[in-house]
Amino acid sequence: MKTFDVKLDHFNASKDNTAMFSMRYILNETFNTDKKGPILFYAGNEGSIEVFYANSGFMLDVLAPALNATVMFGEHRYYGESIPFGNKTIAYNATYLKYLNVEQVF
């Protein structure tokens, strides 16, 4: 499991737009031994990334070996542990939920 910092608001061009949070991802390079294969990216669902990774047999057992591919799973913001406002995130308050939309996905 790895993390990277991502902007909370991708569409605010203001220099004051500095709010960030950690987004989790899983990177599996087992099958891409020569580093020339494709990257198969799985955009996270509404849940913890470990659950979807553990249940992705077709991608990990069939596609990745056949294509010599790297597999990357990204956790969807506001789900699992990729939550921008910590415990406040689940408060169902417009202040905390306004960045949970399709445009802001990753």
PDB file of N, CA and C in Angstrom:
ATOM      1  N   MET A   1       0.837  -1.165   0.000  1.00  0.00           N
ATOM      2  CA  MET A   1       0.000   0.000   0.000  1.00  0.00           C
ATOM      3  C   MET A   1       0.888   1.236   0.000  1.00  0.00           C
ATOM      4  N   LYS A   2       0.581   2.156  -0.888  1.00  0.00           N
ATOM      5  CA  LYS A   2       1.341   3.403  -0.971  1.00  0.00           C
ATOM      6  C   LYS A   2       0.359   4.566  -0.941  1.00  0.00           C
ATOM      7  N   THR A   3       0.882   5.754  -0.733  1.00  0.00           N
ATOM      8  CA  THR A   3       0.039   6.951  -0.768  1.00  0.00           C
ATOM      9  C   THR A   3       0.737   8.048  -1.559  1.00  0.00           C
ATOM     10  N   PHE A   4      -0.054   8.974  -2.046  1.00  0.00           N
ATOM     11  CA  PHE A   4       0.480  10.197  -2.622  1.00  0.00           C
ATOM     12  C   PHE A   4      -0.452  11.326  -2.233  1.00  0.00           C
ATOM     13  N   ASP A   5       0.092  12.524  -2.164  1.00  0.00           N
ATOM     14  CA  ASP A   5      -0.725  13.674  -1.814  1.00  0.00           C
ATOM     15  C   ASP A   5      -1.392  14.227  -3.055  1.00  0.00           C
ATOM     16  N   VAL A   6      -2.671  14.526  -2.923  1.00  0.00           N
ATOM     17  CA  VAL A   6      -3.465  15.028  -4.045  1.00  0.00           C
ATOM     18  C   VAL A   6      -4.216  16.271  -3.589  1.00  0.00           C
ATOM     19  N   LYS A   7      -4.426  17.184  -4.523  1.00  0.00           N
ATOM     20  CA  LYS A   7      -5.184  18.389  -4.200  1.00  0.00           C
ATOM     21  C   LYS A   7      -6.626  18.031  -3.869  1.00  0.00           C
ATOM     22  N   LEU A   8      -7.163  18.716  -2.911  1.00  0.00           N
ATOM     23  CA  LEU A   8      -8.560  18.523  -2.559  1.00  0.00           C
ATOM     24  C   LEU A   8      -9.460  19.043  -3.678  1.00  0.00           C
ATOM     25  N   ASP A   9      -9.118  20.188  -4.242  1.00  0.00           N
ATOM     26  CA  ASP A   9      -9.935  20.807  -5.294  1.00  0.00           C
ATOM     27  C   ASP A   9      -9.080  20.987  -6.547  1.00  0.00           C
ATOM     28  N   HIS A  10      -9.338  20.169  -7.560  1.00  0.00           N
ATOM     29  CA  HIS A  10      -8.571  20.230  -8.807  1.00  0.00           C
ATOM     30  C   HIS A  10      -8.949  21.413  -9.682  1.00  0.00           C
ATOM     31  N   PHE A  11     -10.033  22.100  -9.381  1.00  0.00           N
ATOM     32  CA  PHE A  11     -10.558  23.119 -10.289  1.00  0.00           C
ATOM     33  C   PHE A  11     -10.473  24.542  -9.761  1.00  0.00           C
ATOM     34  N   ASN A  12      -9.787  24.739  -8.671  1.00  0.00           N
ATOM     35  CA  ASN A  12      -9.591  26.065  -8.118  1.00  0.00           C
ATOM     36  C   ASN A  12      -8.171  26.497  -8.476  1.00  0.00           C
ATOM     37  N   ALA A  13      -8.042  27.475  -9.374  1.00  0.00           N
ATOM     38  CA  ALA A  13      -6.733  27.906  -9.859  1.00  0.00           C
ATOM     39  C   ALA A  13      -6.061  28.929  -8.946  1.00  0.00           C
ATOM     40  N   SER A  14      -6.697  29.281  -7.865  1.00  0.00           N
ATOM     41  CA  SER A  14      -6.163  30.271  -6.939  1.00  0.00           C
ATOM     42  C   SER A  14      -4.863  29.775  -6.305  1.00  0.00           C
ATOM     43  N   LYS A  15      -3.938  30.708  -6.060  1.00  0.00           N
ATOM     44  CA  LYS A  15      -2.688  30.334  -5.400  1.00  0.00           C
ATOM     45  C   LYS A  15      -2.928  29.919  -3.953  1.00  0.00           C
ATOM     46  N   ASP A  16      -4.099  30.251  -3.416  1.00  0.00           N
ATOM     47  CA  ASP A  16      -4.453  29.853  -2.053  1.00  0.00           C
ATOM     48  C   ASP A  16      -5.011  28.431  -1.982  1.00  0.00           C
ATOM     49  N   ASN A  17      -5.151  27.788  -3.119  1.00  0.00           N
ATOM     50  CA  ASN A  17      -5.683  26.425  -3.174  1.00  0.00           C
ATOM     51  C   ASN A  17      -4.557  25.442  -2.828  1.00  0.00           C
ATOM     52  N   THR A  18      -4.329  25.250  -1.550  1.00  0.00           N
ATOM     53  CA  THR A  18      -3.220  24.401  -1.115  1.00  0.00           C
ATOM     54  C   THR A  18      -3.676  23.175  -0.325  1.00  0.00           C
ATOM     55  N   ALA A  19      -4.971  23.010  -0.141  1.00  0.00           N
ATOM     56  CA  ALA A  19      -5.470  21.876   0.645  1.00  0.00           C
ATOM     57  C   ALA A  19      -5.167  20.560  -0.071  1.00  0.00           C
ATOM     58  N   MET A  20      -4.547  19.638   0.665  1.00  0.00           N
ATOM     59  CA  MET A  20      -4.158  18.338   0.125  1.00  0.00           C
ATOM     60  C   MET A  20      -4.623  17.246   1.088  1.00  0.00           C
ATOM     61  N   PHE A  21      -4.672  16.021   0.589  1.00  0.00           N
ATOM     62  CA  PHE A  21      -4.905  14.868   1.439  1.00  0.00           C
ATOM     63  C   PHE A  21      -4.220  13.671   0.812  1.00  0.00           C
ATOM     64  N   SER A  22      -4.033  12.611   1.591  1.00  0.00           N
ATOM     65  CA  SER A  22      -3.346  11.411   1.102  1.00  0.00           C
ATOM     66  C   SER A  22      -4.332  10.447   0.469  1.00  0.00           C
ATOM     67  N   MET A  23      -4.001  10.017  -0.736  1.00  0.00           N
ATOM     68  CA  MET A  23      -4.797   9.026  -1.441  1.00  0.00           C
ATOM     69  C   MET A  23      -3.980   7.740  -1.522  1.00  0.00           C
ATOM     70  N   ARG A  24      -4.627   6.627  -1.251  1.00  0.00           N
ATOM     71  CA  ARG A  24      -3.922   5.337  -1.260  1.00  0.00           C
ATOM     72  C   ARG A  24      -4.007   4.673  -2.631  1.00  0.00           C
ATOM     73  N   TYR A  25      -2.991   3.867  -2.910  1.00  0.00           N
ATOM     74  CA  TYR A  25      -2.997   3.058  -4.124  1.00  0.00           C
ATOM     75  C   TYR A  25      -2.160   1.807  -3.901  1.00  0.00           C
ATOM     76  N   ILE A  26      -2.426   0.834  -4.743  1.00  0.00           N
ATOM     77  CA  ILE A  26      -1.657  -0.419  -4.732  1.00  0.00           C
ATOM     78  C   ILE A  26      -1.010  -0.558  -6.100  1.00  0.00           C
ATOM     79  N   LEU A  27       0.262  -0.868  -6.122  1.00  0.00           N
ATOM     80  CA  LEU A  27       1.006  -1.047  -7.361  1.00  0.00           C
ATOM     81  C   LEU A  27       1.602  -2.449  -7.375  1.00  0.00           C
ATOM     82  N   ASN A  28       1.246  -3.223  -8.386  1.00  0.00           N
ATOM     83  CA  ASN A  28       1.753  -4.583  -8.526  1.00  0.00           C
ATOM     84  C   ASN A  28       2.523  -4.677  -9.843  1.00  0.00           C
ATOM     85  N   GLU A  29       3.842  -4.790  -9.734  1.00  0.00           N
ATOM     86  CA  GLU A  29       4.697  -4.874 -10.923  1.00  0.00           C
ATOM     87  C   GLU A  29       5.239  -6.285 -11.153  1.00  0.00           C
ATOM     88  N   THR A  30       4.630  -7.261 -10.523  1.00  0.00           N
ATOM     89  CA  THR A  30       5.087  -8.643 -10.591  1.00  0.00           C
ATOM     90  C   THR A  30       5.234  -9.152 -12.019  1.00  0.00           C
ATOM     91  N   PHE A  31       4.306  -8.819 -12.884  1.00  0.00           N
ATOM     92  CA  PHE A  31       4.276  -9.405 -14.227  1.00  0.00           C
ATOM     93  C   PHE A  31       4.992  -8.555 -15.268  1.00  0.00           C
ATOM     94  N   ASN A  32       5.302  -7.322 -14.951  1.00  0.00           N
ATOM     95  CA  ASN A  32       5.945  -6.416 -15.904  1.00  0.00           C
ATOM     96  C   ASN A  32       7.453  -6.441 -15.671  1.00  0.00           C
ATOM     97  N   THR A  33       8.042  -7.586 -15.917  1.00  0.00           N
ATOM     98  CA  THR A  33       9.446  -7.807 -15.579  1.00  0.00           C
ATOM     99  C   THR A  33      10.413  -6.983 -16.437  1.00  0.00           C
ATOM    100  N   ASP A  34      10.057  -6.694 -17.670  1.00  0.00           N
ATOM    101  CA  ASP A  34      10.956  -5.919 -18.531  1.00  0.00           C
ATOM    102  C   ASP A  34      10.613  -4.428 -18.554  1.00  0.00           C
ATOM    103  N   LYS A  35       9.610  -4.029 -17.788  1.00  0.00           N
ATOM    104  CA  LYS A  35       9.165  -2.630 -17.682  1.00  0.00           C
ATOM    105  C   LYS A  35       8.719  -2.048 -19.018  1.00  0.00           C
ATOM    106  N   LYS A  36       8.288  -2.907 -19.939  1.00  0.00           N
ATOM    107  CA  LYS A  36       7.813  -2.455 -21.246  1.00  0.00           C
ATOM    108  C   LYS A  36       6.331  -2.718 -21.446  1.00  0.00           C
ATOM    109  N   GLY A  37       5.717  -3.397 -20.490  1.00  0.00           N
ATOM    110  CA  GLY A  37       4.306  -3.740 -20.613  1.00  0.00           C
ATOM    111  C   GLY A  37       3.407  -2.560 -20.272  1.00  0.00           C
ATOM    112  N   PRO A  38       2.130  -2.714 -20.533  1.00  0.00           N
ATOM    113  CA  PRO A  38       1.171  -1.646 -20.244  1.00  0.00           C
ATOM    114  C   PRO A  38       0.879  -1.540 -18.745  1.00  0.00           C
ATOM    115  N   ILE A  39       0.211  -0.484 -18.389  1.00  0.00           N
ATOM    116  CA  ILE A  39      -0.279  -0.302 -17.022  1.00  0.00           C
ATOM    117  C   ILE A  39      -1.792  -0.463 -17.065  1.00  0.00           C
ATOM    118  N   LEU A  40      -2.290  -1.396 -16.271  1.00  0.00           N
ATOM    119  CA  LEU A  40      -3.735  -1.577 -16.139  1.00  0.00           C
ATOM    120  C   LEU A  40      -4.161  -0.824 -14.889  1.00  0.00           C
ATOM    121  N   PHE A  41      -4.990   0.196 -15.053  1.00  0.00           N
ATOM    122  CA  PHE A  41      -5.401   1.029 -13.927  1.00  0.00           C
ATOM    123  C   PHE A  41      -6.837   0.726 -13.547  1.00  0.00           C
ATOM    124  N   TYR A  42      -7.044   0.468 -12.275  1.00  0.00           N
ATOM    125  CA  TYR A  42      -8.373   0.208 -11.729  1.00  0.00           C
ATOM    126  C   TYR A  42      -8.762   1.404 -10.878  1.00  0.00           C
ATOM    127  N   ALA A  43      -9.749   2.149 -11.333  1.00  0.00           N
ATOM    128  CA  ALA A  43     -10.237   3.298 -10.564  1.00  0.00           C
ATOM    129  C   ALA A  43     -11.126   2.788  -9.440  1.00  0.00           C
ATOM    130  N   GLY A  44     -10.810   3.196  -8.241  1.00  0.00           N
ATOM    131  CA  GLY A  44     -11.480   2.675  -7.059  1.00  0.00           C
ATOM    132  C   GLY A  44     -12.985   2.809  -7.038  1.00  0.00           C
ATOM    133  N   ASN A  45     -13.596   1.935  -6.283  1.00  0.00           N
ATOM    134  CA  ASN A  45     -15.040   1.928  -6.085  1.00  0.00           C
ATOM    135  C   ASN A  45     -15.365   2.576  -4.751  1.00  0.00           C
ATOM    136  N   GLU A  46     -16.588   2.416  -4.344  1.00  0.00           N
ATOM    137  CA  GLU A  46     -17.058   3.002  -3.091  1.00  0.00           C
ATOM    138  C   GLU A  46     -16.739   2.092  -1.914  1.00  0.00           C
ATOM    139  N   GLY A  47     -15.470   1.973  -1.611  1.00  0.00           N
ATOM    140  CA  GLY A  47     -15.037   1.138  -0.505  1.00  0.00           C
ATOM    141  C   GLY A  47     -13.526   1.124  -0.399  1.00  0.00           C
ATOM    142  N   SER A  48     -13.041   0.349   0.527  1.00  0.00           N
ATOM    143  CA  SER A  48     -11.610   0.240   0.764  1.00  0.00           C
ATOM    144  C   SER A  48     -10.913  -0.464  -0.401  1.00  0.00           C
ATOM    145  N   ILE A  49      -9.757   0.019  -0.782  1.00  0.00           N
ATOM    146  CA  ILE A  49      -9.030  -0.513  -1.935  1.00  0.00           C
ATOM    147  C   ILE A  49      -8.614  -1.971  -1.750  1.00  0.00           C
ATOM    148  N   GLU A  50      -8.346  -2.394  -0.507  1.00  0.00           N
ATOM    149  CA  GLU A  50      -7.930  -3.782  -0.284  1.00  0.00           C
ATOM    150  C   GLU A  50      -9.008  -4.774  -0.699  1.00  0.00           C
ATOM    151  N   VAL A  51     -10.250  -4.431  -0.470  1.00  0.00           N
ATOM    152  CA  VAL A  51     -11.359  -5.332  -0.810  1.00  0.00           C
ATOM    153  C   VAL A  51     -11.434  -5.540  -2.314  1.00  0.00           C
ATOM    154  N   PHE A  52     -11.323  -4.464  -3.080  1.00  0.00           N
ATOM    155  CA  PHE A  52     -11.410  -4.592  -4.531  1.00  0.00           C
ATOM    156  C   PHE A  52     -10.180  -5.268  -5.111  1.00  0.00           C
ATOM    157  N   TYR A  53      -9.036  -4.999  -4.538  1.00  0.00           N
ATOM    158  CA  TYR A  53      -7.807  -5.654  -4.994  1.00  0.00           C
ATOM    159  C   TYR A  53      -7.880  -7.162  -4.769  1.00  0.00           C
ATOM    160  N   ALA A  54      -8.372  -7.553  -3.605  1.00  0.00           N
ATOM    161  CA  ALA A  54      -8.457  -8.978  -3.264  1.00  0.00           C
ATOM    162  C   ALA A  54      -9.475  -9.729  -4.116  1.00  0.00           C
ATOM    163  N   ASN A  55     -10.381  -9.002  -4.758  1.00  0.00           N
ATOM    164  CA  ASN A  55     -11.426  -9.629  -5.567  1.00  0.00           C
ATOM    165  C   ASN A  55     -11.310  -9.284  -7.047  1.00  0.00           C
ATOM    166  N   SER A  56     -10.095  -9.094  -7.505  1.00  0.00           N
ATOM    167  CA  SER A  56      -9.885  -8.710  -8.908  1.00  0.00           C
ATOM    168  C   SER A  56      -9.140  -9.804  -9.658  1.00  0.00           C
ATOM    169  N   GLY A  57      -9.583 -11.013  -9.507  1.00  0.00           N
ATOM    170  CA  GLY A  57      -8.905 -12.161 -10.096  1.00  0.00           C
ATOM    171  C   GLY A  57      -8.644 -12.052 -11.579  1.00  0.00           C
ATOM    172  N   PHE A  58      -9.611 -11.585 -12.352  1.00  0.00           N
ATOM    173  CA  PHE A  58      -9.423 -11.527 -13.803  1.00  0.00           C
ATOM    174  C   PHE A  58      -8.269 -10.602 -14.176  1.00  0.00           C
ATOM    175  N   MET A  59      -8.215  -9.457 -13.530  1.00  0.00           N
ATOM    176  CA  MET A  59      -7.151  -8.506 -13.853  1.00  0.00           C
ATOM    177  C   MET A  59      -5.780  -9.026 -13.407  1.00  0.00           C
ATOM    178  N   LEU A  60      -5.721  -9.576 -12.200  1.00  0.00           N
ATOM    179  CA  LEU A  60      -4.436 -10.022 -11.658  1.00  0.00           C
ATOM    180  C   LEU A  60      -4.024 -11.418 -12.121  1.00  0.00           C
ATOM    181  N   ASP A  61      -4.986 -12.294 -12.345  1.00  0.00           N
ATOM    182  CA  ASP A  61      -4.666 -13.679 -12.686  1.00  0.00           C
ATOM    183  C   ASP A  61      -4.641 -13.951 -14.186  1.00  0.00           C
ATOM    184  N   VAL A  62      -5.338 -13.139 -14.967  1.00  0.00           N
ATOM    185  CA  VAL A  62      -5.436 -13.385 -16.408  1.00  0.00           C
ATOM    186  C   VAL A  62      -4.788 -12.261 -17.223  1.00  0.00           C
ATOM    187  N   LEU A  63      -5.300 -11.040 -17.077  1.00  0.00           N
ATOM    188  CA  LEU A  63      -4.817  -9.945 -17.916  1.00  0.00           C
ATOM    189  C   LEU A  63      -3.355  -9.575 -17.673  1.00  0.00           C
ATOM    190  N   ALA A  64      -2.995  -9.319 -16.429  1.00  0.00           N
ATOM    191  CA  ALA A  64      -1.634  -8.867 -16.130  1.00  0.00           C
ATOM    192  C   ALA A  64      -0.572  -9.864 -16.608  1.00  0.00           C
ATOM    193  N   PRO A  65      -0.707 -11.156 -16.307  1.00  0.00           N
ATOM    194  CA  PRO A  65       0.310 -12.105 -16.812  1.00  0.00           C
ATOM    195  C   PRO A  65       0.332 -12.194 -18.341  1.00  0.00           C
ATOM    196  N   ALA A  66      -0.843 -12.161 -18.967  1.00  0.00           N
ATOM    197  CA  ALA A  66      -0.903 -12.289 -20.422  1.00  0.00           C
ATOM    198  C   ALA A  66      -0.287 -11.083 -21.133  1.00  0.00           C
ATOM    199  N   LEU A  67      -0.390  -9.906 -20.516  1.00  0.00           N
ATOM    200  CA  LEU A  67       0.101  -8.679 -21.140  1.00  0.00           C
ATOM    201  C   LEU A  67       1.436  -8.197 -20.582  1.00  0.00           C
ATOM    202  N   ASN A  68       1.999  -8.940 -19.642  1.00  0.00           N
ATOM    203  CA  ASN A  68       3.195  -8.488 -18.919  1.00  0.00           C
ATOM    204  C   ASN A  68       2.970  -7.083 -18.362  1.00  0.00           C
ATOM    205  N   ALA A  69       1.840  -6.906 -17.713  1.00  0.00           N
ATOM    206  CA  ALA A  69       1.396  -5.582 -17.295  1.00  0.00           C
ATOM    207  C   ALA A  69       1.661  -5.288 -15.823  1.00  0.00           C
ATOM    208  N   THR A  70       1.791  -4.006 -15.548  1.00  0.00           N
ATOM    209  CA  THR A  70       1.755  -3.479 -14.191  1.00  0.00           C
ATOM    210  C   THR A  70       0.288  -3.222 -13.874  1.00  0.00           C
ATOM    211  N   VAL A  71      -0.109  -3.515 -12.647  1.00  0.00           N
ATOM    212  CA  VAL A  71      -1.491  -3.264 -12.232  1.00  0.00           C
ATOM    213  C   VAL A  71      -1.465  -2.208 -11.135  1.00  0.00           C
ATOM    214  N   MET A  72      -2.285  -1.185 -11.319  1.00  0.00           N
ATOM    215  CA  MET A  72      -2.380  -0.119 -10.319  1.00  0.00           C
ATOM    216  C   MET A  72      -3.834   0.066  -9.931  1.00  0.00           C
ATOM    217  N   PHE A  73      -4.083   0.024  -8.628  1.00  0.00           N
ATOM    218  CA  PHE A  73      -5.416   0.255  -8.081  1.00  0.00           C
ATOM    219  C   PHE A  73      -5.381   1.570  -7.321  1.00  0.00           C
ATOM    220  N   GLY A  74      -6.258   2.484  -7.665  1.00  0.00           N
ATOM    221  CA  GLY A  74      -6.359   3.741  -6.933  1.00  0.00           C
ATOM    222  C   GLY A  74      -7.595   3.735  -6.050  1.00  0.00           C
ATOM    223  N   GLU A  75      -7.457   4.198  -4.836  1.00  0.00           N
ATOM    224  CA  GLU A  75      -8.606   4.257  -3.931  1.00  0.00           C
ATOM    225  C   GLU A  75      -9.388   5.540  -4.215  1.00  0.00           C
ATOM    226  N   HIS A  76     -10.676   5.402  -4.341  1.00  0.00           N
ATOM    227  CA  HIS A  76     -11.546   6.544  -4.623  1.00  0.00           C
ATOM    228  C   HIS A  76     -11.553   7.496  -3.437  1.00  0.00           C
ATOM    229  N   ARG A  77     -11.475   8.788  -3.713  1.00  0.00           N
ATOM    230  CA  ARG A  77     -11.526   9.760  -2.608  1.00  0.00           C
ATOM    231  C   ARG A  77     -12.819   9.613  -1.828  1.00  0.00           C
ATOM    232  N   TYR A  78     -12.737   9.814  -0.547  1.00  0.00           N
ATOM    233  CA  TYR A  78     -13.840   9.703   0.406  1.00  0.00           C
ATOM    234  C   TYR A  78     -14.171   8.261   0.779  1.00  0.00           C
ATOM    235  N   TYR A  79     -13.396   7.299   0.317  1.00  0.00           N
ATOM    236  CA  TYR A  79     -13.655   5.901   0.653  1.00  0.00           C
ATOM    237  C   TYR A  79     -12.388   5.258   1.198  1.00  0.00           C
ATOM    238  N   GLY A  80     -12.548   4.148   1.910  1.00  0.00           N
ATOM    239  CA  GLY A  80     -11.403   3.491   2.524  1.00  0.00           C
ATOM    240  C   GLY A  80     -10.733   4.448   3.487  1.00  0.00           C
ATOM    241  N   GLU A  81      -9.442   4.659   3.280  1.00  0.00           N
ATOM    242  CA  GLU A  81      -8.694   5.592   4.129  1.00  0.00           C
ATOM    243  C   GLU A  81      -8.298   6.863   3.384  1.00  0.00           C
ATOM    244  N   SER A  82      -8.791   7.025   2.153  1.00  0.00           N
ATOM    245  CA  SER A  82      -8.501   8.228   1.360  1.00  0.00           C
ATOM    246  C   SER A  82      -9.583   9.277   1.612  1.00  0.00           C
ATOM    247  N   ILE A  83      -9.641   9.708   2.847  1.00  0.00           N
ATOM    248  CA  ILE A  83     -10.707  10.640   3.240  1.00  0.00           C
ATOM    249  C   ILE A  83     -10.102  11.998   3.607  1.00  0.00           C
ATOM    250  N   PRO A  84     -10.515  13.041   2.925  1.00  0.00           N
ATOM    251  CA  PRO A  84      -9.862  14.335   3.057  1.00  0.00           C
ATOM    252  C   PRO A  84     -10.005  15.039   4.408  1.00  0.00           C
ATOM    253  N   PHE A  85     -11.081  14.846   5.111  1.00  0.00           N
ATOM    254  CA  PHE A  85     -11.308  15.587   6.356  1.00  0.00           C
ATOM    255  C   PHE A  85     -11.323  14.687   7.587  1.00  0.00           C
ATOM    256  N   GLY A  86     -10.679  13.544   7.508  1.00  0.00           N
ATOM    257  CA  GLY A  86     -10.656  12.626   8.638  1.00  0.00           C
ATOM    258  C   GLY A  86     -12.058  12.232   9.066  1.00  0.00           C
ATOM    259  N   ASN A  87     -12.303  12.152  10.343  1.00  0.00           N
ATOM    260  CA  ASN A  87     -13.613  11.738  10.856  1.00  0.00           C
ATOM    261  C   ASN A  87     -14.728  12.698  10.469  1.00  0.00           C
ATOM    262  N   LYS A  88     -14.398  13.956  10.200  1.00  0.00           N
ATOM    263  CA  LYS A  88     -15.415  14.930   9.800  1.00  0.00           C
ATOM    264  C   LYS A  88     -15.989  14.612   8.421  1.00  0.00           C
ATOM    265  N   THR A  89     -15.237  13.876   7.620  1.00  0.00           N
ATOM    266  CA  THR A  89     -15.644  13.578   6.250  1.00  0.00           C
ATOM    267  C   THR A  89     -17.022  12.934   6.201  1.00  0.00           C
ATOM    268  N   ILE A  90     -17.330  12.099   7.171  1.00  0.00           N
ATOM    269  CA  ILE A  90     -18.600  11.374   7.143  1.00  0.00           C
ATOM    270  C   ILE A  90     -19.732  12.124   7.836  1.00  0.00           C
ATOM    271  N   ALA A  91     -19.552  13.409   8.081  1.00  0.00           N
ATOM    272  CA  ALA A  91     -20.549  14.212   8.795  1.00  0.00           C
ATOM    273  C   ALA A  91     -21.741  14.586   7.919  1.00  0.00           C
ATOM    274  N   TYR A  92     -21.706  14.271   6.640  1.00  0.00           N
ATOM    275  CA  TYR A  92     -22.779  14.613   5.706  1.00  0.00           C
ATOM    276  C   TYR A  92     -23.091  16.106   5.757  1.00  0.00           C
ATOM    277  N   ASN A  93     -22.036  16.876   5.767  1.00  0.00           N
ATOM    278  CA  ASN A  93     -22.111  18.322   5.779  1.00  0.00           C
ATOM    279  C   ASN A  93     -21.614  18.798   4.420  1.00  0.00           C
ATOM    280  N   ALA A  94     -22.306  19.734   3.802  1.00  0.00           N
ATOM    281  CA  ALA A  94     -21.936  20.205   2.471  1.00  0.00           C
ATOM    282  C   ALA A  94     -20.492  20.710   2.415  1.00  0.00           C
ATOM    283  N   THR A  95     -19.994  21.265   3.504  1.00  0.00           N
ATOM    284  CA  THR A  95     -18.612  21.749   3.548  1.00  0.00           C
ATOM    285  C   THR A  95     -17.629  20.624   3.296  1.00  0.00           C
ATOM    286  N   TYR A  96     -17.911  19.446   3.830  1.00  0.00           N
ATOM    287  CA  TYR A  96     -16.993  18.324   3.708  1.00  0.00           C
ATOM    288  C   TYR A  96     -17.258  17.467   2.473  1.00  0.00           C
ATOM    289  N   LEU A  97     -18.461  17.492   1.980  1.00  0.00           N
ATOM    290  CA  LEU A  97     -18.822  16.609   0.865  1.00  0.00           C
ATOM    291  C   LEU A  97     -18.778  17.278  -0.503  1.00  0.00           C
ATOM    292  N   LYS A  98     -18.535  18.564  -0.578  1.00  0.00           N
ATOM    293  CA  LYS A  98     -18.608  19.252  -1.875  1.00  0.00           C
ATOM    294  C   LYS A  98     -17.526  18.803  -2.866  1.00  0.00           C
ATOM    295  N   TYR A  99     -16.486  18.134  -2.395  1.00  0.00           N
ATOM    296  CA  TYR A  99     -15.440  17.638  -3.294  1.00  0.00           C
ATOM    297  C   TYR A  99     -15.637  16.167  -3.664  1.00  0.00           C
ATOM    298  N   LEU A 100     -16.750  15.611  -3.254  1.00  0.00           N
ATOM    299  CA  LEU A 100     -17.092  14.226  -3.615  1.00  0.00           C
ATOM    300  C   LEU A 100     -18.007  14.289  -4.830  1.00  0.00           C
ATOM    301  N   ASN A 101     -17.392  14.299  -6.001  1.00  0.00           N
ATOM    302  CA  ASN A 101     -18.151  14.330  -7.251  1.00  0.00           C
ATOM    303  C   ASN A 101     -17.299  13.724  -8.367  1.00  0.00           C
ATOM    304  N   VAL A 102     -17.915  13.469  -9.473  1.00  0.00           N
ATOM    305  CA  VAL A 102     -17.245  12.786 -10.572  1.00  0.00           C
ATOM    306  C   VAL A 102     -16.045  13.585 -11.082  1.00  0.00           C
ATOM    307  N   GLU A 103     -16.173  14.889 -11.163  1.00  0.00           N
ATOM    308  CA  GLU A 103     -15.086  15.718 -11.690  1.00  0.00           C
ATOM    309  C   GLU A 103     -13.825  15.646 -10.822  1.00  0.00           C
ATOM    310  N   GLN A 104     -13.981  15.481  -9.539  1.00  0.00           N
ATOM    311  CA  GLN A 104     -12.845  15.495  -8.614  1.00  0.00           C
ATOM    312  C   GLN A 104     -12.306  14.095  -8.300  1.00  0.00           C
ATOM    313  N   VAL A 105     -12.751  13.072  -8.981  1.00  0.00           N
ATOM    314  CA  VAL A 105     -12.479  11.685  -8.599  1.00  0.00           C
ATOM    315  C   VAL A 105     -11.054  11.449  -8.108  1.00  0.00           C
ATOM    316  N   PHE A 106     -10.059  11.727  -8.897  1.00  0.00           N
ATOM    317  CA  PHE A 106      -8.668  11.499  -8.471  1.00  0.00           C
ATOM    318  C   PHE A 106      -7.957  12.805  -8.535  1.00  0.00           C
TER     319      PHE A 106
END
